[in-house]
Amino acid sequence: MTKYPILPAREIINALKRLGFEVVRQKGSHIKLCKRSGNRKITTIVPNHKSVMAGTLKGILELAEITLDDFLSNL
């Protein structure tokens, strides 16, 4: 099992964009990204921090319904 890395928010957002997500809006330090999958709308929130901790990244990817391997291949 691969460990979740600690990354800056910009890298996470860029990887999610490569996976089909679009930035919808920002409120304070939280950036909302969405993706359409058929008739479903998948949404995730990324805190705009210099370093996003491993547990937070895990939650972001769970909301986005993305595996860690798919995410890491798009960094």
PDB file of N, CA and C in Angstrom:
ATOM      1  N   MET A   1       0.843  -1.183   0.000  1.00  0.00           N
ATOM      2  CA  MET A   1       0.000   0.000   0.000  1.00  0.00           C
ATOM      3  C   MET A   1       0.889   1.248   0.000  1.00  0.00           C
ATOM      4  N   THR A   2       0.605   2.154  -0.904  1.00  0.00           N
ATOM      5  CA  THR A   2       1.357   3.394  -1.015  1.00  0.00           C
ATOM      6  C   THR A   2       0.868   4.387   0.026  1.00  0.00           C
ATOM      7  N   LYS A   3       1.790   5.122   0.599  1.00  0.00           N
ATOM      8  CA  LYS A   3       1.421   6.139   1.572  1.00  0.00           C
ATOM      9  C   LYS A   3       0.933   7.395   0.862  1.00  0.00           C
ATOM     10  N   TYR A   4       0.053   8.108   1.524  1.00  0.00           N
ATOM     11  CA  TYR A   4      -0.431   9.379   0.999  1.00  0.00           C
ATOM     12  C   TYR A   4       0.645  10.437   1.221  1.00  0.00           C
ATOM     13  N   PRO A   5       1.017  11.176   0.174  1.00  0.00           N
ATOM     14  CA  PRO A   5       2.062  12.193   0.322  1.00  0.00           C
ATOM     15  C   PRO A   5       1.503  13.496   0.897  1.00  0.00           C
ATOM     16  N   ILE A   6       2.384  14.321   1.410  1.00  0.00           N
ATOM     17  CA  ILE A   6       2.028  15.668   1.840  1.00  0.00           C
ATOM     18  C   ILE A   6       2.387  16.590   0.681  1.00  0.00           C
ATOM     19  N   LEU A   7       1.378  17.266   0.127  1.00  0.00           N
ATOM     20  CA  LEU A   7       1.564  18.067  -1.080  1.00  0.00           C
ATOM     21  C   LEU A   7       0.973  19.460  -0.909  1.00  0.00           C
ATOM     22  N   PRO A   8       1.455  20.427  -1.702  1.00  0.00           N
ATOM     23  CA  PRO A   8       0.806  21.740  -1.712  1.00  0.00           C
ATOM     24  C   PRO A   8      -0.545  21.657  -2.441  1.00  0.00           C
ATOM     25  N   ALA A   9      -1.449  22.532  -2.085  1.00  0.00           N
ATOM     26  CA  ALA A   9      -2.794  22.518  -2.669  1.00  0.00           C
ATOM     27  C   ALA A   9      -2.756  22.679  -4.182  1.00  0.00           C
ATOM     28  N   ARG A  10      -1.855  23.506  -4.707  1.00  0.00           N
ATOM     29  CA  ARG A  10      -1.772  23.740  -6.154  1.00  0.00           C
ATOM     30  C   ARG A  10      -1.501  22.435  -6.908  1.00  0.00           C
ATOM     31  N   GLU A  11      -0.621  21.582  -6.384  1.00  0.00           N
ATOM     32  CA  GLU A  11      -0.328  20.304  -7.052  1.00  0.00           C
ATOM     33  C   GLU A  11      -1.547  19.393  -7.039  1.00  0.00           C
ATOM     34  N   ILE A  12      -2.267  19.375  -5.933  1.00  0.00           N
ATOM     35  CA  ILE A  12      -3.476  18.544  -5.827  1.00  0.00           C
ATOM     36  C   ILE A  12      -4.522  19.022  -6.821  1.00  0.00           C
ATOM     37  N   ILE A  13      -4.736  20.322  -6.878  1.00  0.00           N
ATOM     38  CA  ILE A  13      -5.735  20.886  -7.789  1.00  0.00           C
ATOM     39  C   ILE A  13      -5.361  20.611  -9.239  1.00  0.00           C
ATOM     40  N   ASN A  14      -4.097  20.780  -9.593  1.00  0.00           N
ATOM     41  CA  ASN A  14      -3.669  20.511 -10.970  1.00  0.00           C
ATOM     42  C   ASN A  14      -3.867  19.046 -11.342  1.00  0.00           C
ATOM     43  N   ALA A  15      -3.582  18.135 -10.425  1.00  0.00           N
ATOM     44  CA  ALA A  15      -3.802  16.709 -10.694  1.00  0.00           C
ATOM     45  C   ALA A  15      -5.284  16.410 -10.863  1.00  0.00           C
ATOM     46  N   LEU A  16      -6.133  17.026 -10.024  1.00  0.00           N
ATOM     47  CA  LEU A  16      -7.578  16.817 -10.144  1.00  0.00           C
ATOM     48  C   LEU A  16      -8.106  17.386 -11.461  1.00  0.00           C
ATOM     49  N   LYS A  17      -7.554  18.497 -11.913  1.00  0.00           N
ATOM     50  CA  LYS A  17      -7.955  19.058 -13.207  1.00  0.00           C
ATOM     51  C   LYS A  17      -7.608  18.095 -14.336  1.00  0.00           C
ATOM     52  N   ARG A  18      -6.444  17.458 -14.254  1.00  0.00           N
ATOM     53  CA  ARG A  18      -6.060  16.470 -15.269  1.00  0.00           C
ATOM     54  C   ARG A  18      -6.995  15.264 -15.253  1.00  0.00           C
ATOM     55  N   LEU A  19      -7.636  15.015 -14.116  1.00  0.00           N
ATOM     56  CA  LEU A  19      -8.580  13.908 -13.987  1.00  0.00           C
ATOM     57  C   LEU A  19     -10.015  14.321 -14.335  1.00  0.00           C
ATOM     58  N   GLY A  20     -10.196  15.551 -14.839  1.00  0.00           N
ATOM     59  CA  GLY A  20     -11.507  15.972 -15.318  1.00  0.00           C
ATOM     60  C   GLY A  20     -12.274  16.917 -14.402  1.00  0.00           C
ATOM     61  N   PHE A  21     -11.704  17.313 -13.280  1.00  0.00           N
ATOM     62  CA  PHE A  21     -12.384  18.220 -12.365  1.00  0.00           C
ATOM     63  C   PHE A  21     -12.173  19.664 -12.811  1.00  0.00           C
ATOM     64  N   GLU A  22     -13.137  20.520 -12.464  1.00  0.00           N
ATOM     65  CA  GLU A  22     -13.046  21.945 -12.753  1.00  0.00           C
ATOM     66  C   GLU A  22     -13.249  22.709 -11.454  1.00  0.00           C
ATOM     67  N   VAL A  23     -12.532  23.813 -11.306  1.00  0.00           N
ATOM     68  CA  VAL A  23     -12.716  24.671 -10.138  1.00  0.00           C
ATOM     69  C   VAL A  23     -14.047  25.399 -10.306  1.00  0.00           C
ATOM     70  N   VAL A  24     -14.919  25.248  -9.314  1.00  0.00           N
ATOM     71  CA  VAL A  24     -16.242  25.856  -9.372  1.00  0.00           C
ATOM     72  C   VAL A  24     -16.240  27.194  -8.647  1.00  0.00           C
ATOM     73  N   ARG A  25     -15.691  27.197  -7.425  1.00  0.00           N
ATOM     74  CA  ARG A  25     -15.647  28.432  -6.658  1.00  0.00           C
ATOM     75  C   ARG A  25     -14.669  28.290  -5.507  1.00  0.00           C
ATOM     76  N   GLN A  26     -14.404  29.428  -4.872  1.00  0.00           N
ATOM     77  CA  GLN A  26     -13.547  29.449  -3.694  1.00  0.00           C
ATOM     78  C   GLN A  26     -14.221  30.296  -2.640  1.00  0.00           C
ATOM     79  N   LYS A  27     -14.239  29.785  -1.415  1.00  0.00           N
ATOM     80  CA  LYS A  27     -14.780  30.529  -0.288  1.00  0.00           C
ATOM     81  C   LYS A  27     -13.724  30.489   0.805  1.00  0.00           C
ATOM     82  N   GLY A  28     -13.107  31.617   1.054  1.00  0.00           N
ATOM     83  CA  GLY A  28     -12.022  31.650   2.018  1.00  0.00           C
ATOM     84  C   GLY A  28     -10.847  30.853   1.491  1.00  0.00           C
ATOM     85  N   SER A  29     -10.381  29.909   2.296  1.00  0.00           N
ATOM     86  CA  SER A  29      -9.232  29.109   1.870  1.00  0.00           C
ATOM     87  C   SER A  29      -9.634  27.737   1.343  1.00  0.00           C
ATOM     88  N   HIS A  30     -10.906  27.545   1.014  1.00  0.00           N
ATOM     89  CA  HIS A  30     -11.363  26.256   0.503  1.00  0.00           C
ATOM     90  C   HIS A  30     -11.806  26.399  -0.953  1.00  0.00           C
ATOM     91  N   ILE A  31     -11.278  25.505  -1.796  1.00  0.00           N
ATOM     92  CA  ILE A  31     -11.560  25.531  -3.227  1.00  0.00           C
ATOM     93  C   ILE A  31     -12.433  24.323  -3.560  1.00  0.00           C
ATOM     94  N   LYS A  32     -13.558  24.578  -4.215  1.00  0.00           N
ATOM     95  CA  LYS A  32     -14.513  23.528  -4.563  1.00  0.00           C
ATOM     96  C   LYS A  32     -14.304  23.130  -6.021  1.00  0.00           C
ATOM     97  N   LEU A  33     -14.155  21.820  -6.252  1.00  0.00           N
ATOM     98  CA  LEU A  33     -13.990  21.286  -7.599  1.00  0.00           C
ATOM     99  C   LEU A  33     -15.107  20.294  -7.887  1.00  0.00           C
ATOM    100  N   CYS A  34     -15.599  20.290  -9.134  1.00  0.00           N
ATOM    101  CA  CYS A  34     -16.675  19.381  -9.522  1.00  0.00           C
ATOM    102  C   CYS A  34     -16.342  18.690 -10.834  1.00  0.00           C
ATOM    103  N   LYS A  35     -16.998  17.539 -11.023  1.00  0.00           N
ATOM    104  CA  LYS A  35     -16.831  16.743 -12.247  1.00  0.00           C
ATOM    105  C   LYS A  35     -18.158  16.053 -12.525  1.00  0.00           C
ATOM    106  N   ARG A  36     -18.573  16.046 -13.767  1.00  0.00           N
ATOM    107  CA  ARG A  36     -19.781  15.325 -14.169  1.00  0.00           C
ATOM    108  C   ARG A  36     -19.392  13.909 -14.595  1.00  0.00           C
ATOM    109  N   SER A  37     -20.124  12.946 -14.076  1.00  0.00           N
ATOM    110  CA  SER A  37     -19.901  11.555 -14.451  1.00  0.00           C
ATOM    111  C   SER A  37     -21.267  10.967 -14.796  1.00  0.00           C
ATOM    112  N   GLY A  38     -21.588  10.969 -16.069  1.00  0.00           N
ATOM    113  CA  GLY A  38     -22.927  10.556 -16.479  1.00  0.00           C
ATOM    114  C   GLY A  38     -23.920  11.603 -16.010  1.00  0.00           C
ATOM    115  N   ASN A  39     -24.909  11.180 -15.233  1.00  0.00           N
ATOM    116  CA  ASN A  39     -25.862  12.139 -14.680  1.00  0.00           C
ATOM    117  C   ASN A  39     -25.542  12.475 -13.233  1.00  0.00           C
ATOM    118  N   ARG A  40     -24.358  12.064 -12.753  1.00  0.00           N
ATOM    119  CA  ARG A  40     -23.916  12.352 -11.385  1.00  0.00           C
ATOM    120  C   ARG A  40     -22.961  13.539 -11.380  1.00  0.00           C
ATOM    121  N   LYS A  41     -22.951  14.225 -10.263  1.00  0.00           N
ATOM    122  CA  LYS A  41     -22.018  15.337 -10.069  1.00  0.00           C
ATOM    123  C   LYS A  41     -21.142  14.980  -8.874  1.00  0.00           C
ATOM    124  N   ILE A  42     -19.835  14.851  -9.107  1.00  0.00           N
ATOM    125  CA  ILE A  42     -18.886  14.503  -8.053  1.00  0.00           C
ATOM    126  C   ILE A  42     -18.191  15.782  -7.614  1.00  0.00           C
ATOM    127  N   THR A  43     -18.210  16.052  -6.307  1.00  0.00           N
ATOM    128  CA  THR A  43     -17.656  17.284  -5.755  1.00  0.00           C
ATOM    129  C   THR A  43     -16.634  16.958  -4.681  1.00  0.00           C
ATOM    130  N   THR A  44     -15.572  17.757  -4.641  1.00  0.00           N
ATOM    131  CA  THR A  44     -14.584  17.637  -3.573  1.00  0.00           C
ATOM    132  C   THR A  44     -14.096  19.029  -3.202  1.00  0.00           C
ATOM    133  N   ILE A  45     -13.559  19.159  -2.014  1.00  0.00           N
ATOM    134  CA  ILE A  45     -13.079  20.431  -1.492  1.00  0.00           C
ATOM    135  C   ILE A  45     -11.590  20.288  -1.171  1.00  0.00           C
ATOM    136  N   VAL A  46     -10.790  21.270  -1.604  1.00  0.00           N
ATOM    137  CA  VAL A  46      -9.352  21.275  -1.322  1.00  0.00           C
ATOM    138  C   VAL A  46      -9.023  22.530  -0.525  1.00  0.00           C
ATOM    139  N   PRO A  47      -8.438  22.387   0.667  1.00  0.00           N
ATOM    140  CA  PRO A  47      -8.008  23.579   1.403  1.00  0.00           C
ATOM    141  C   PRO A  47      -6.778  24.181   0.732  1.00  0.00           C
ATOM    142  N   ASN A  48      -6.781  25.484   0.543  1.00  0.00           N
ATOM    143  CA  ASN A  48      -5.686  26.167  -0.151  1.00  0.00           C
ATOM    144  C   ASN A  48      -4.558  26.452   0.833  1.00  0.00           C
ATOM    145  N   HIS A  49      -3.801  25.393   1.175  1.00  0.00           N
ATOM    146  CA  HIS A  49      -2.704  25.500   2.129  1.00  0.00           C
ATOM    147  C   HIS A  49      -1.381  25.171   1.447  1.00  0.00           C
ATOM    148  N   LYS A  50      -0.283  25.619   2.057  1.00  0.00           N
ATOM    149  CA  LYS A  50       1.045  25.308   1.509  1.00  0.00           C
ATOM    150  C   LYS A  50       1.321  23.819   1.540  1.00  0.00           C
ATOM    151  N   SER A  51       0.842  23.144   2.579  1.00  0.00           N
ATOM    152  CA  SER A  51       1.002  21.692   2.642  1.00  0.00           C
ATOM    153  C   SER A  51      -0.290  21.073   3.169  1.00  0.00           C
ATOM    154  N   VAL A  52      -0.858  20.184   2.359  1.00  0.00           N
ATOM    155  CA  VAL A  52      -2.071  19.465   2.722  1.00  0.00           C
ATOM    156  C   VAL A  52      -1.640  18.125   3.305  1.00  0.00           C
ATOM    157  N   MET A  53      -2.037  17.854   4.518  1.00  0.00           N
ATOM    158  CA  MET A  53      -1.612  16.654   5.231  1.00  0.00           C
ATOM    159  C   MET A  53      -2.182  15.385   4.588  1.00  0.00           C
ATOM    160  N   ALA A  54      -1.566  14.272   4.888  1.00  0.00           N
ATOM    161  CA  ALA A  54      -1.912  12.987   4.272  1.00  0.00           C
ATOM    162  C   ALA A  54      -3.369  12.591   4.533  1.00  0.00           C
ATOM    163  N   GLY A  55      -3.841  12.769   5.746  1.00  0.00           N
ATOM    164  CA  GLY A  55      -5.228  12.408   6.071  1.00  0.00           C
ATOM    165  C   GLY A  55      -6.236  13.267   5.325  1.00  0.00           C
ATOM    166  N   THR A  56      -5.907  14.537   5.139  1.00  0.00           N
ATOM    167  CA  THR A  56      -6.773  15.433   4.385  1.00  0.00           C
ATOM    168  C   THR A  56      -6.807  15.026   2.922  1.00  0.00           C
ATOM    169  N   LEU A  57      -5.657  14.680   2.368  1.00  0.00           N
ATOM    170  CA  LEU A  57      -5.593  14.219   0.982  1.00  0.00           C
ATOM    171  C   LEU A  57      -6.426  12.951   0.806  1.00  0.00           C
ATOM    172  N   LYS A  58      -6.370  12.063   1.765  1.00  0.00           N
ATOM    173  CA  LYS A  58      -7.170  10.835   1.697  1.00  0.00           C
ATOM    174  C   LYS A  58      -8.660  11.173   1.614  1.00  0.00           C
ATOM    175  N   GLY A  59      -9.103  12.131   2.429  1.00  0.00           N
ATOM    176  CA  GLY A  59     -10.506  12.554   2.403  1.00  0.00           C
ATOM    177  C   GLY A  59     -10.886  13.214   1.092  1.00  0.00           C
ATOM    178  N   ILE A  60      -9.978  14.023   0.539  1.00  0.00           N
ATOM    179  CA  ILE A  60     -10.222  14.680  -0.747  1.00  0.00           C
ATOM    180  C   ILE A  60     -10.426  13.636  -1.832  1.00  0.00           C
ATOM    181  N   LEU A  61      -9.566  12.630  -1.860  1.00  0.00           N
ATOM    182  CA  LEU A  61      -9.652  11.591  -2.891  1.00  0.00           C
ATOM    183  C   LEU A  61     -10.875  10.706  -2.700  1.00  0.00           C
ATOM    184  N   GLU A  62     -11.278  10.453  -1.453  1.00  0.00           N
ATOM    185  CA  GLU A  62     -12.493   9.670  -1.212  1.00  0.00           C
ATOM    186  C   GLU A  62     -13.717  10.413  -1.734  1.00  0.00           C
ATOM    187  N   LEU A  63     -13.799  11.723  -1.472  1.00  0.00           N
ATOM    188  CA  LEU A  63     -14.914  12.518  -1.986  1.00  0.00           C
ATOM    189  C   LEU A  63     -14.905  12.548  -3.511  1.00  0.00           C
ATOM    190  N   ALA A  64     -13.713  12.607  -4.093  1.00  0.00           N
ATOM    191  CA  ALA A  64     -13.577  12.678  -5.544  1.00  0.00           C
ATOM    192  C   ALA A  64     -13.737  11.308  -6.212  1.00  0.00           C
ATOM    193  N   GLU A  65     -13.802  10.256  -5.411  1.00  0.00           N
ATOM    194  CA  GLU A  65     -13.936   8.880  -5.902  1.00  0.00           C
ATOM    195  C   GLU A  65     -12.772   8.510  -6.826  1.00  0.00           C
ATOM    196  N   ILE A  66     -11.565   8.850  -6.369  1.00  0.00           N
ATOM    197  CA  ILE A  66     -10.335   8.575  -7.119  1.00  0.00           C
ATOM    198  C   ILE A  66      -9.425   7.704  -6.259  1.00  0.00           C
ATOM    199  N   THR A  67      -8.783   6.726  -6.871  1.00  0.00           N
ATOM    200  CA  THR A  67      -7.832   5.909  -6.140  1.00  0.00           C
ATOM    201  C   THR A  67      -6.517   6.664  -6.008  1.00  0.00           C
ATOM    202  N   LEU A  68      -5.729   6.291  -5.025  1.00  0.00           N
ATOM    203  CA  LEU A  68      -4.439   6.935  -4.811  1.00  0.00           C
ATOM    204  C   LEU A  68      -3.525   6.721  -6.001  1.00  0.00           C
ATOM    205  N   ASP A  69      -3.545   5.517  -6.585  1.00  0.00           N
ATOM    206  CA  ASP A  69      -2.692   5.227  -7.735  1.00  0.00           C
ATOM    207  C   ASP A  69      -3.041   6.107  -8.942  1.00  0.00           C
ATOM    208  N   ASP A  70      -4.346   6.296  -9.196  1.00  0.00           N
ATOM    209  CA  ASP A  70      -4.768   7.162 -10.305  1.00  0.00           C
ATOM    210  C   ASP A  70      -4.315   8.600 -10.045  1.00  0.00           C
ATOM    211  N   PHE A  71      -4.458   9.040  -8.805  1.00  0.00           N
ATOM    212  CA  PHE A  71      -4.052  10.395  -8.459  1.00  0.00           C
ATOM    213  C   PHE A  71      -2.561  10.593  -8.641  1.00  0.00           C
ATOM    214  N   LEU A  72      -1.773   9.661  -8.112  1.00  0.00           N
ATOM    215  CA  LEU A  72      -0.309   9.776  -8.190  1.00  0.00           C
ATOM    216  C   LEU A  72       0.196   9.733  -9.629  1.00  0.00           C
ATOM    217  N   SER A  73      -0.493   9.004 -10.492  1.00  0.00           N
ATOM    218  CA  SER A  73      -0.073   8.938 -11.892  1.00  0.00           C
ATOM    219  C   SER A  73      -0.365  10.236 -12.636  1.00  0.00           C
ATOM    220  N   ASN A  74      -1.198  11.114 -12.063  1.00  0.00           N
ATOM    221  CA  ASN A  74      -1.533  12.384 -12.694  1.00  0.00           C
ATOM    222  C   ASN A  74      -0.847  13.577 -12.040  1.00  0.00           C
ATOM    223  N   LEU A  75       0.074  13.326 -11.122  1.00  0.00           N
ATOM    224  CA  LEU A  75       0.809  14.436 -10.507  1.00  0.00           C
ATOM    225  C   LEU A  75       1.770  15.061 -11.477  1.00  0.00           C
TER     226      LEU A  75
END
